[in-house]
Amino acid sequence: MKRILKIEPQDIETESFRIIEEEFEERTGINPDTLDPSEFAVIRRVIHATGDFSFAASIRFHDRAIEAGLAAIRSGKSILTDVNMATAGISRTLLEPYGGKIICRVADPEIAVLARTQGKTRSETALEEGIAENVGIVAIGNAPTALLAAIKLIEEGRANPDLVIGVPVGFVNAEESKDILYEQDFPSITSLGRKGGTTVSVAIINALLRLV
């Protein structure tokens, strides 16, 4: 039977991070000292949120990803997400002092109408309609269609976010959309393969908010 730790609530996160750091090299084969400290902070929080050390090998950072994300937060730009679950998980306490907002329009009634009219998914339509609202970071954890829409808008010059976090999960176009994102020249953070999800996108943003 597993031994239950007696630990104060405020100490749980600190102890979790200690365990992750203690087990990291054994479980991943990667010496954490060889990683960029800011990138390791992101990876560590993703592992903390998912319990999955395999993200250490699958997460990919554009060379300017961390710098671009922090600059967007500091300048008061907003974060556009693909699902409302992400808006609940992102730390407003850490974001609001800089003036940024969390935007998700997927549940707006007009989005549903537009999506039906245009033959698109609601996530794709919400992304297209929301990306112009002073958005510095696009965070996609659920919908590959939204990630592909973001890439297309950037390629066409109709959007210019500082950072795209693209980690959709699933079996239909999730892996492929992330491969396409990884090939782009603009700042991005992704996780190759089928794994990902809103939990991962939220963890990445909350890690960035703690790095500002």
Foldseek 3Di string as FASTA:
>chain_A
DDDDDDDDPVCVVVVLLVVCQVCLCVVPVDNCVVDDPLVVLLLSLLCVLPVDSCQVVFKDWAPCQLVLLLVLQQCQAEEEEQDVVLQVLADCVLRPVSNYYYDYCLPPPVLVVVCVVVVHHSSLSRLVVPQVRRHQEYFYAADLSNLVSVVVCVVVVNHDHQEYEQEHADDPNNQVSQVVVVPDNGTYMYGHDRDTGSSSSNSNNNSSSVVD
